[in-house]
Every structure is written in structure tokens, then in C-alpha cells.
Amino acid sequence: MAREKYILVSHYCKKAQIEDSFVQNLFEYGLVAYEEKENDLFIDEEDITEIERMFRLHNDLGINFEGLDAIKQMLKRMQKLESEMNSLQKRLRLYE
């Protein structure tokens, strides 16, 4: 079983030059999950790419947090549809 790695939010924000308040807003909107241990907030290292993607969308394109949520939901739905399409294509190949 793989061991999950967590990173302290304040440390990550300092290294990535992202404001703590941005990550806190992501938590409040439910865009990223976090763990709280001993009054410190930690993020899963797998969420870092998602945080960086949302940070670029927010900073470069000026997309607000509601927009980020909508984009995340659409991407999630697209991935689900692609998975279903691949599954259906595999089933269809059986009949060809």
C-alpha cells in the first residue's frame, strides 16, 4: 500500500510563491482537500498540480473561484465521458 505524503500548506505556499489566502479559498470552495493536524493545514502532494493549474487560471485569466469550480466539474465530467466512451469502444470492437 502506498504511503500518502502531505505537505504543510504554509511551506508549499512560500516555495511556490502562492498566497496562503488563495489556497485557503480553494479549501473553502471545496476545490482541494486538506488534512488538519495539530492546528496546521496539510495538502496531499497529488493535489499540487491541481492547485498550480487553478492558480494559473486565476492569475493569468482572472477566473474567480466559482469559475474554477465550474471548470473543475466540467473536466471531471469530460474524464468520465471519455472513460465511458473508451469502454463502449472496447465493447463495440467485440462485435466487429
PDB file of N, CA and C in Angstrom:
ATOM      1  N   MET A   1       0.848  -1.180   0.000  1.00  0.00           N
ATOM      2  CA  MET A   1       0.000   0.000   0.000  1.00  0.00           C
ATOM      3  C   MET A   1       0.889   1.238   0.000  1.00  0.00           C
ATOM      4  N   ALA A   2       0.589   2.158  -0.876  1.00  0.00           N
ATOM      5  CA  ALA A   2       1.378   3.384  -0.993  1.00  0.00           C
ATOM      6  C   ALA A   2       1.105   4.309   0.191  1.00  0.00           C
ATOM      7  N   ARG A   3       2.162   4.931   0.643  1.00  0.00           N
ATOM      8  CA  ARG A   3       2.046   5.862   1.763  1.00  0.00           C
ATOM      9  C   ARG A   3       1.746   7.253   1.228  1.00  0.00           C
ATOM     10  N   GLU A   4       0.715   7.859   1.774  1.00  0.00           N
ATOM     11  CA  GLU A   4       0.349   9.201   1.336  1.00  0.00           C
ATOM     12  C   GLU A   4       1.319  10.214   1.929  1.00  0.00           C
ATOM     13  N   LYS A   5       1.684  11.198   1.118  1.00  0.00           N
ATOM     14  CA  LYS A   5       2.589  12.244   1.581  1.00  0.00           C
ATOM     15  C   LYS A   5       1.825  13.555   1.635  1.00  0.00           C
ATOM     16  N   TYR A   6       1.980  14.234   2.741  1.00  0.00           N
ATOM     17  CA  TYR A   6       1.334  15.521   2.943  1.00  0.00           C
ATOM     18  C   TYR A   6       2.390  16.603   3.082  1.00  0.00           C
ATOM     19  N   ILE A   7       2.024  17.773   2.599  1.00  0.00           N
ATOM     20  CA  ILE A   7       2.931  18.918   2.633  1.00  0.00           C
ATOM     21  C   ILE A   7       2.258  20.038   3.411  1.00  0.00           C
ATOM     22  N   LEU A   8       3.004  20.669   4.263  1.00  0.00           N
ATOM     23  CA  LEU A   8       2.499  21.796   5.051  1.00  0.00           C
ATOM     24  C   LEU A   8       2.140  22.938   4.106  1.00  0.00           C
ATOM     25  N   VAL A   9       0.932  23.452   4.220  1.00  0.00           N
ATOM     26  CA  VAL A   9       0.432  24.477   3.301  1.00  0.00           C
ATOM     27  C   VAL A   9       1.307  25.723   3.331  1.00  0.00           C
ATOM     28  N   SER A  10       1.666  26.190   4.505  1.00  0.00           N
ATOM     29  CA  SER A  10       2.467  27.419   4.585  1.00  0.00           C
ATOM     30  C   SER A  10       3.835  27.227   3.927  1.00  0.00           C
ATOM     31  N   HIS A  11       4.412  26.043   4.069  1.00  0.00           N
ATOM     32  CA  HIS A  11       5.706  25.758   3.438  1.00  0.00           C
ATOM     33  C   HIS A  11       5.556  25.719   1.919  1.00  0.00           C
ATOM     34  N   TYR A  12       4.514  25.046   1.437  1.00  0.00           N
ATOM     35  CA  TYR A  12       4.277  24.968  -0.004  1.00  0.00           C
ATOM     36  C   TYR A  12       4.047  26.359  -0.598  1.00  0.00           C
ATOM     37  N   CYS A  13       3.216  27.153   0.055  1.00  0.00           N
ATOM     38  CA  CYS A  13       2.906  28.495  -0.454  1.00  0.00           C
ATOM     39  C   CYS A  13       4.155  29.355  -0.527  1.00  0.00           C
ATOM     40  N   LYS A  14       5.020  29.219   0.459  1.00  0.00           N
ATOM     41  CA  LYS A  14       6.254  30.002   0.475  1.00  0.00           C
ATOM     42  C   LYS A  14       7.150  29.599  -0.699  1.00  0.00           C
ATOM     43  N   LYS A  15       7.298  28.294  -0.926  1.00  0.00           N
ATOM     44  CA  LYS A  15       8.162  27.801  -2.008  1.00  0.00           C
ATOM     45  C   LYS A  15       7.571  28.106  -3.387  1.00  0.00           C
ATOM     46  N   ALA A  16       6.251  27.981  -3.515  1.00  0.00           N
ATOM     47  CA  ALA A  16       5.598  28.185  -4.812  1.00  0.00           C
ATOM     48  C   ALA A  16       5.235  29.640  -5.068  1.00  0.00           C
ATOM     49  N   GLN A  17       5.454  30.497  -4.091  1.00  0.00           N
ATOM     50  CA  GLN A  17       5.123  31.919  -4.171  1.00  0.00           C
ATOM     51  C   GLN A  17       3.638  32.122  -4.469  1.00  0.00           C
ATOM     52  N   ILE A  18       2.836  31.381  -3.737  1.00  0.00           N
ATOM     53  CA  ILE A  18       1.379  31.490  -3.814  1.00  0.00           C
ATOM     54  C   ILE A  18       0.901  31.961  -2.452  1.00  0.00           C
ATOM     55  N   GLU A  19      -0.034  32.880  -2.437  1.00  0.00           N
ATOM     56  CA  GLU A  19      -0.542  33.393  -1.172  1.00  0.00           C
ATOM     57  C   GLU A  19      -1.318  32.310  -0.420  1.00  0.00           C
ATOM     58  N   ASP A  20      -1.154  32.283   0.898  1.00  0.00           N
ATOM     59  CA  ASP A  20      -1.897  31.334   1.735  1.00  0.00           C
ATOM     60  C   ASP A  20      -3.398  31.507   1.554  1.00  0.00           C
ATOM     61  N   SER A  21      -3.826  32.752   1.366  1.00  0.00           N
ATOM     62  CA  SER A  21      -5.261  33.020   1.233  1.00  0.00           C
ATOM     63  C   SER A  21      -5.843  32.369  -0.016  1.00  0.00           C
ATOM     64  N   PHE A  22      -5.052  32.245  -1.085  1.00  0.00           N
ATOM     65  CA  PHE A  22      -5.534  31.587  -2.296  1.00  0.00           C
ATOM     66  C   PHE A  22      -5.841  30.125  -2.002  1.00  0.00           C
ATOM     67  N   VAL A  23      -4.920  29.446  -1.357  1.00  0.00           N
ATOM     68  CA  VAL A  23      -5.116  28.034  -1.024  1.00  0.00           C
ATOM     69  C   VAL A  23      -6.263  27.886  -0.031  1.00  0.00           C
ATOM     70  N   GLN A  24      -6.373  28.806   0.910  1.00  0.00           N
ATOM     71  CA  GLN A  24      -7.478  28.769   1.866  1.00  0.00           C
ATOM     72  C   GLN A  24      -8.823  28.901   1.154  1.00  0.00           C
ATOM     73  N   ASN A  25      -8.891  29.771   0.152  1.00  0.00           N
ATOM     74  CA  ASN A  25     -10.119  29.910  -0.634  1.00  0.00           C
ATOM     75  C   ASN A  25     -10.436  28.629  -1.406  1.00  0.00           C
ATOM     76  N   LEU A  26      -9.402  27.956  -1.895  1.00  0.00           N
ATOM     77  CA  LEU A  26      -9.626  26.670  -2.566  1.00  0.00           C
ATOM     78  C   LEU A  26     -10.253  25.667  -1.600  1.00  0.00           C
ATOM     79  N   PHE A  27      -9.786  25.690  -0.353  1.00  0.00           N
ATOM     80  CA  PHE A  27     -10.365  24.804   0.669  1.00  0.00           C
ATOM     81  C   PHE A  27     -11.826  25.156   0.914  1.00  0.00           C
ATOM     82  N   GLU A  28     -12.101  26.447   1.055  1.00  0.00           N
ATOM     83  CA  GLU A  28     -13.462  26.904   1.361  1.00  0.00           C
ATOM     84  C   GLU A  28     -14.449  26.559   0.250  1.00  0.00           C
ATOM     85  N   TYR A  29     -13.997  26.597  -0.995  1.00  0.00           N
ATOM     86  CA  TYR A  29     -14.865  26.272  -2.113  1.00  0.00           C
ATOM     87  C   TYR A  29     -14.909  24.768  -2.396  1.00  0.00           C
ATOM     88  N   GLY A  30     -14.158  24.002  -1.638  1.00  0.00           N
ATOM     89  CA  GLY A  30     -14.153  22.555  -1.807  1.00  0.00           C
ATOM     90  C   GLY A  30     -13.400  22.089  -3.041  1.00  0.00           C
ATOM     91  N   LEU A  31     -12.516  22.919  -3.548  1.00  0.00           N
ATOM     92  CA  LEU A  31     -11.762  22.569  -4.746  1.00  0.00           C
ATOM     93  C   LEU A  31     -10.561  21.681  -4.451  1.00  0.00           C
ATOM     94  N   VAL A  32     -10.070  21.750  -3.225  1.00  0.00           N
ATOM     95  CA  VAL A  32      -8.926  20.956  -2.801  1.00  0.00           C
ATOM     96  C   VAL A  32      -9.185  20.475  -1.376  1.00  0.00           C
ATOM     97  N   ALA A  33      -8.818  19.247  -1.109  1.00  0.00           N
ATOM     98  CA  ALA A  33      -8.973  18.700   0.234  1.00  0.00           C
ATOM     99  C   ALA A  33      -7.711  18.987   1.054  1.00  0.00           C
ATOM    100  N   TYR A  34      -7.871  18.985   2.349  1.00  0.00           N
ATOM    101  CA  TYR A  34      -6.723  19.204   3.229  1.00  0.00           C
ATOM    102  C   TYR A  34      -6.878  18.351   4.479  1.00  0.00           C
ATOM    103  N   GLU A  35      -5.770  18.186   5.167  1.00  0.00           N
ATOM    104  CA  GLU A  35      -5.739  17.491   6.451  1.00  0.00           C
ATOM    105  C   GLU A  35      -5.302  18.503   7.501  1.00  0.00           C
ATOM    106  N   GLU A  36      -5.937  18.461   8.638  1.00  0.00           N
ATOM    107  CA  GLU A  36      -5.539  19.348   9.728  1.00  0.00           C
ATOM    108  C   GLU A  36      -4.949  18.500  10.842  1.00  0.00           C
ATOM    109  N   LYS A  37      -3.706  18.806  11.192  1.00  0.00           N
ATOM    110  CA  LYS A  37      -3.015  18.088  12.261  1.00  0.00           C
ATOM    111  C   LYS A  37      -2.319  19.114  13.140  1.00  0.00           C
ATOM    112  N   GLU A  38      -2.650  19.075  14.410  1.00  0.00           N
ATOM    113  CA  GLU A  38      -2.017  19.964  15.389  1.00  0.00           C
ATOM    114  C   GLU A  38      -2.080  21.429  14.954  1.00  0.00           C
ATOM    115  N   ASN A  39      -3.236  21.866  14.538  1.00  0.00           N
ATOM    116  CA  ASN A  39      -3.505  23.245  14.113  1.00  0.00           C
ATOM    117  C   ASN A  39      -2.738  23.676  12.870  1.00  0.00           C
ATOM    118  N   ASP A  40      -2.166  22.736  12.142  1.00  0.00           N
ATOM    119  CA  ASP A  40      -1.505  23.030  10.872  1.00  0.00           C
ATOM    120  C   ASP A  40      -2.293  22.382   9.746  1.00  0.00           C
ATOM    121  N   LEU A  41      -2.313  23.033   8.588  1.00  0.00           N
ATOM    122  CA  LEU A  41      -3.014  22.503   7.428  1.00  0.00           C
ATOM    123  C   LEU A  41      -2.012  21.844   6.485  1.00  0.00           C
ATOM    124  N   PHE A  42      -2.386  20.669   6.000  1.00  0.00           N
ATOM    125  CA  PHE A  42      -1.551  19.915   5.083  1.00  0.00           C
ATOM    126  C   PHE A  42      -2.350  19.573   3.832  1.00  0.00           C
ATOM    127  N   ILE A  43      -1.652  19.548   2.688  1.00  0.00           N
ATOM    128  CA  ILE A  43      -2.268  19.116   1.440  1.00  0.00           C
ATOM    129  C   ILE A  43      -1.569  17.849   0.974  1.00  0.00           C
ATOM    130  N   ASP A  44      -2.305  17.024   0.259  1.00  0.00           N
ATOM    131  CA  ASP A  44      -1.737  15.823  -0.340  1.00  0.00           C
ATOM    132  C   ASP A  44      -0.862  16.260  -1.504  1.00  0.00           C
ATOM    133  N   GLU A  45       0.289  15.637  -1.655  1.00  0.00           N
ATOM    134  CA  GLU A  45       1.191  16.048  -2.737  1.00  0.00           C
ATOM    135  C   GLU A  45       0.578  15.830  -4.117  1.00  0.00           C
ATOM    136  N   GLU A  46      -0.404  14.932  -4.218  1.00  0.00           N
ATOM    137  CA  GLU A  46      -1.069  14.707  -5.501  1.00  0.00           C
ATOM    138  C   GLU A  46      -1.934  15.900  -5.910  1.00  0.00           C
ATOM    139  N   ASP A  47      -2.310  16.757  -4.965  1.00  0.00           N
ATOM    140  CA  ASP A  47      -3.140  17.923  -5.270  1.00  0.00           C
ATOM    141  C   ASP A  47      -2.333  19.129  -5.741  1.00  0.00           C
ATOM    142  N   ILE A  48      -1.027  19.037  -5.710  1.00  0.00           N
ATOM    143  CA  ILE A  48      -0.190  20.185  -6.063  1.00  0.00           C
ATOM    144  C   ILE A  48      -0.396  20.601  -7.512  1.00  0.00           C
ATOM    145  N   THR A  49      -0.464  19.652  -8.421  1.00  0.00           N
ATOM    146  CA  THR A  49      -0.668  20.012  -9.823  1.00  0.00           C
ATOM    147  C   THR A  49      -2.018  20.701 -10.015  1.00  0.00           C
ATOM    148  N   GLU A  50      -3.037  20.234  -9.284  1.00  0.00           N
ATOM    149  CA  GLU A  50      -4.365  20.851  -9.370  1.00  0.00           C
ATOM    150  C   GLU A  50      -4.328  22.280  -8.826  1.00  0.00           C
ATOM    151  N   ILE A  51      -3.630  22.492  -7.722  1.00  0.00           N
ATOM    152  CA  ILE A  51      -3.511  23.836  -7.141  1.00  0.00           C
ATOM    153  C   ILE A  51      -2.787  24.762  -8.113  1.00  0.00           C
ATOM    154  N   GLU A  52      -1.704  24.281  -8.710  1.00  0.00           N
ATOM    155  CA  GLU A  52      -0.950  25.107  -9.647  1.00  0.00           C
ATOM    156  C   GLU A  52      -1.775  25.441 -10.893  1.00  0.00           C
ATOM    157  N   ARG A  53      -2.555  24.472 -11.377  1.00  0.00           N
ATOM    158  CA  ARG A  53      -3.418  24.717 -12.539  1.00  0.00           C
ATOM    159  C   ARG A  53      -4.436  25.801 -12.205  1.00  0.00           C
ATOM    160  N   MET A  54      -5.070  25.685 -11.040  1.00  0.00           N
ATOM    161  CA  MET A  54      -6.078  26.674 -10.649  1.00  0.00           C
ATOM    162  C   MET A  54      -5.449  28.039 -10.395  1.00  0.00           C
ATOM    163  N   PHE A  55      -4.237  28.052  -9.863  1.00  0.00           N
ATOM    164  CA  PHE A  55      -3.550  29.315  -9.632  1.00  0.00           C
ATOM    165  C   PHE A  55      -3.286  30.029 -10.959  1.00  0.00           C
ATOM    166  N   ARG A  56      -2.838  29.267 -11.967  1.00  0.00           N
ATOM    167  CA  ARG A  56      -2.588  29.880 -13.288  1.00  0.00           C
ATOM    168  C   ARG A  56      -3.884  30.399 -13.904  1.00  0.00           C
ATOM    169  N   LEU A  57      -4.953  29.613 -13.818  1.00  0.00           N
ATOM    170  CA  LEU A  57      -6.241  30.064 -14.353  1.00  0.00           C
ATOM    171  C   LEU A  57      -6.711  31.332 -13.646  1.00  0.00           C
ATOM    172  N   HIS A  58      -6.521  31.368 -12.340  1.00  0.00           N
ATOM    173  CA  HIS A  58      -6.963  32.516 -11.548  1.00  0.00           C
ATOM    174  C   HIS A  58      -6.116  33.750 -11.850  1.00  0.00           C
ATOM    175  N   ASN A  59      -4.813  33.582 -11.855  1.00  0.00           N
ATOM    176  CA  ASN A  59      -3.923  34.736 -12.061  1.00  0.00           C
ATOM    177  C   ASN A  59      -3.835  35.178 -13.517  1.00  0.00           C
ATOM    178  N   ASP A  60      -3.632  34.220 -14.413  1.00  0.00           N
ATOM    179  CA  ASP A  60      -3.404  34.572 -15.811  1.00  0.00           C
ATOM    180  C   ASP A  60      -4.685  34.982 -16.528  1.00  0.00           C
ATOM    181  N   LEU A  61      -5.789  34.302 -16.214  1.00  0.00           N
ATOM    182  CA  LEU A  61      -7.030  34.572 -16.921  1.00  0.00           C
ATOM    183  C   LEU A  61      -8.067  35.316 -16.082  1.00  0.00           C
ATOM    184  N   GLY A  62      -7.780  35.501 -14.810  1.00  0.00           N
ATOM    185  CA  GLY A  62      -8.692  36.246 -13.951  1.00  0.00           C
ATOM    186  C   GLY A  62      -9.979  35.492 -13.612  1.00  0.00           C
ATOM    187  N   ILE A  63      -9.922  34.178 -13.621  1.00  0.00           N
ATOM    188  CA  ILE A  63     -11.112  33.377 -13.326  1.00  0.00           C
ATOM    189  C   ILE A  63     -11.324  33.332 -11.819  1.00  0.00           C
ATOM    190  N   ASN A  64     -12.541  33.644 -11.386  1.00  0.00           N
ATOM    191  CA  ASN A  64     -12.834  33.644  -9.951  1.00  0.00           C
ATOM    192  C   ASN A  64     -13.030  32.208  -9.448  1.00  0.00           C
ATOM    193  N   PHE A  65     -13.245  32.062  -8.148  1.00  0.00           N
ATOM    194  CA  PHE A  65     -13.319  30.734  -7.542  1.00  0.00           C
ATOM    195  C   PHE A  65     -14.561  29.964  -7.983  1.00  0.00           C
ATOM    196  N   GLU A  66     -15.645  30.659  -8.248  1.00  0.00           N
ATOM    197  CA  GLU A  66     -16.837  29.988  -8.778  1.00  0.00           C
ATOM    198  C   GLU A  66     -16.542  29.425 -10.162  1.00  0.00           C
ATOM    199  N   GLY A  67     -15.808  30.198 -10.963  1.00  0.00           N
ATOM    200  CA  GLY A  67     -15.412  29.742 -12.288  1.00  0.00           C
ATOM    201  C   GLY A  67     -14.465  28.553 -12.221  1.00  0.00           C
ATOM    202  N   LEU A  68     -13.538  28.588 -11.270  1.00  0.00           N
ATOM    203  CA  LEU A  68     -12.627  27.460 -11.080  1.00  0.00           C
ATOM    204  C   LEU A  68     -13.395  26.193 -10.726  1.00  0.00           C
ATOM    205  N   ASP A  69     -14.419  26.360  -9.886  1.00  0.00           N
ATOM    206  CA  ASP A  69     -15.249  25.216  -9.510  1.00  0.00           C
ATOM    207  C   ASP A  69     -15.968  24.659 -10.732  1.00  0.00           C
ATOM    208  N   ALA A  70     -16.509  25.538 -11.559  1.00  0.00           N
ATOM    209  CA  ALA A  70     -17.213  25.103 -12.773  1.00  0.00           C
ATOM    210  C   ALA A  70     -16.256  24.381 -13.722  1.00  0.00           C
ATOM    211  N   ILE A  71     -15.065  24.911 -13.883  1.00  0.00           N
ATOM    212  CA  ILE A  71     -14.073  24.281 -14.761  1.00  0.00           C
ATOM    213  C   ILE A  71     -13.694  22.903 -14.233  1.00  0.00           C
ATOM    214  N   LYS A  72     -13.490  22.803 -12.932  1.00  0.00           N
ATOM    215  CA  LYS A  72     -13.126  21.512 -12.339  1.00  0.00           C
ATOM    216  C   LYS A  72     -14.235  20.487 -12.549  1.00  0.00           C
ATOM    217  N   GLN A  73     -15.491  20.908 -12.372  1.00  0.00           N
ATOM    218  CA  GLN A  73     -16.612  19.988 -12.569  1.00  0.00           C
ATOM    219  C   GLN A  73     -16.716  19.555 -14.030  1.00  0.00           C
ATOM    220  N   MET A  74     -16.499  20.483 -14.963  1.00  0.00           N
ATOM    221  CA  MET A  74     -16.561  20.134 -16.391  1.00  0.00           C
ATOM    222  C   MET A  74     -15.438  19.168 -16.763  1.00  0.00           C
ATOM    223  N   LEU A  75     -14.234  19.397 -16.257  1.00  0.00           N
ATOM    224  CA  LEU A  75     -13.121  18.492 -16.543  1.00  0.00           C
ATOM    225  C   LEU A  75     -13.386  17.098 -15.984  1.00  0.00           C
ATOM    226  N   LYS A  76     -13.951  17.059 -14.797  1.00  0.00           N
ATOM    227  CA  LYS A  76     -14.291  15.782 -14.172  1.00  0.00           C
ATOM    228  C   LYS A  76     -15.319  15.033 -15.021  1.00  0.00           C
ATOM    229  N   ARG A  77     -16.309  15.760 -15.504  1.00  0.00           N
ATOM    230  CA  ARG A  77     -17.350  15.150 -16.334  1.00  0.00           C
ATOM    231  C   ARG A  77     -16.779  14.680 -17.673  1.00  0.00           C
ATOM    232  N   MET A  78     -15.888  15.483 -18.251  1.00  0.00           N
ATOM    233  CA  MET A  78     -15.260  15.085 -19.512  1.00  0.00           C
ATOM    234  C   MET A  78     -14.442  13.809 -19.343  1.00  0.00           C
ATOM    235  N   GLN A  79     -13.721  13.701 -18.240  1.00  0.00           N
ATOM    236  CA  GLN A  79     -12.933  12.498 -17.991  1.00  0.00           C
ATOM    237  C   GLN A  79     -13.835  11.279 -17.845  1.00  0.00           C
ATOM    238  N   LYS A  80     -14.961  11.461 -17.183  1.00  0.00           N
ATOM    239  CA  LYS A  80     -15.914  10.362 -17.016  1.00  0.00           C
ATOM    240  C   LYS A  80     -16.478   9.946 -18.371  1.00  0.00           C
ATOM    241  N   LEU A  81     -16.844  10.920 -19.193  1.00  0.00           N
ATOM    242  CA  LEU A  81     -17.384  10.621 -20.512  1.00  0.00           C
ATOM    243  C   LEU A  81     -16.347   9.941 -21.402  1.00  0.00           C
ATOM    244  N   GLU A  82     -15.109  10.379 -21.322  1.00  0.00           N
ATOM    245  CA  GLU A  82     -14.039   9.737 -22.096  1.00  0.00           C
ATOM    246  C   GLU A  82     -13.846   8.290 -21.660  1.00  0.00           C
ATOM    247  N   SER A  83     -13.927   8.052 -20.377  1.00  0.00           N
ATOM    248  CA  SER A  83     -13.801   6.695 -19.856  1.00  0.00           C
ATOM    249  C   SER A  83     -14.946   5.818 -20.355  1.00  0.00           C
ATOM    250  N   GLU A  84     -16.154   6.357 -20.309  1.00  0.00           N
ATOM    251  CA  GLU A  84     -17.314   5.613 -20.800  1.00  0.00           C
ATOM    252  C   GLU A  84     -17.193   5.346 -22.302  1.00  0.00           C
ATOM    253  N   MET A  85     -16.722   6.327 -23.044  1.00  0.00           N
ATOM    254  CA  MET A  85     -16.567   6.175 -24.485  1.00  0.00           C
ATOM    255  C   MET A  85     -15.542   5.085 -24.794  1.00  0.00           C
ATOM    256  N   ASN A  86     -14.427   5.080 -24.080  1.00  0.00           N
ATOM    257  CA  ASN A  86     -13.415   4.047 -24.284  1.00  0.00           C
ATOM    258  C   ASN A  86     -13.968   2.661 -23.978  1.00  0.00           C
ATOM    259  N   SER A  87     -14.743   2.580 -22.915  1.00  0.00           N
ATOM    260  CA  SER A  87     -15.358   1.304 -22.547  1.00  0.00           C
ATOM    261  C   SER A  87     -16.318   0.835 -23.636  1.00  0.00           C
ATOM    262  N   LEU A  88     -17.131   1.735 -24.148  1.00  0.00           N
ATOM    263  CA  LEU A  88     -18.071   1.379 -25.206  1.00  0.00           C
ATOM    264  C   LEU A  88     -17.356   1.000 -26.505  1.00  0.00           C
ATOM    265  N   GLN A  89     -16.252   1.680 -26.803  1.00  0.00           N
ATOM    266  CA  GLN A  89     -15.477   1.337 -27.994  1.00  0.00           C
ATOM    267  C   GLN A  89     -14.902  -0.072 -27.878  1.00  0.00           C
ATOM    268  N   LYS A  90     -14.442  -0.436 -26.693  1.00  0.00           N
ATOM    269  CA  LYS A  90     -13.896  -1.782 -26.479  1.00  0.00           C
ATOM    270  C   LYS A  90     -14.989  -2.827 -26.654  1.00  0.00           C
ATOM    271  N   ARG A  91     -16.177  -2.533 -26.126  1.00  0.00           N
ATOM    272  CA  ARG A  91     -17.302  -3.474 -26.277  1.00  0.00           C
ATOM    273  C   ARG A  91     -17.707  -3.584 -27.735  1.00  0.00           C
ATOM    274  N   LEU A  92     -17.691  -2.486 -28.451  1.00  0.00           N
ATOM    275  CA  LEU A  92     -18.076  -2.485 -29.854  1.00  0.00           C
ATOM    276  C   LEU A  92     -17.103  -3.299 -30.697  1.00  0.00           C
ATOM    277  N   ARG A  93     -15.825  -3.243 -30.347  1.00  0.00           N
ATOM    278  CA  ARG A  93     -14.813  -3.993 -31.102  1.00  0.00           C
ATOM    279  C   ARG A  93     -15.059  -5.499 -31.018  1.00  0.00           C
ATOM    280  N   LEU A  94     -15.703  -5.949 -29.965  1.00  0.00           N
ATOM    281  CA  LEU A  94     -16.017  -7.368 -29.834  1.00  0.00           C
ATOM    282  C   LEU A  94     -16.965  -7.832 -30.929  1.00  0.00           C
ATOM    283  N   TYR A  95     -17.810  -6.952 -31.436  1.00  0.00           N
ATOM    284  CA  TYR A  95     -18.810  -7.300 -32.426  1.00  0.00           C
ATOM    285  C   TYR A  95     -18.361  -7.037 -33.853  1.00  0.00           C
ATOM    286  N   GLU A  96     -17.192  -6.462 -34.013  1.00  0.00           N
ATOM    287  CA  GLU A  96     -16.704  -6.161 -35.366  1.00  0.00           C
ATOM    288  C   GLU A  96     -16.079  -7.386 -35.997  1.00  0.00           C
TER     289      GLU A  96
END
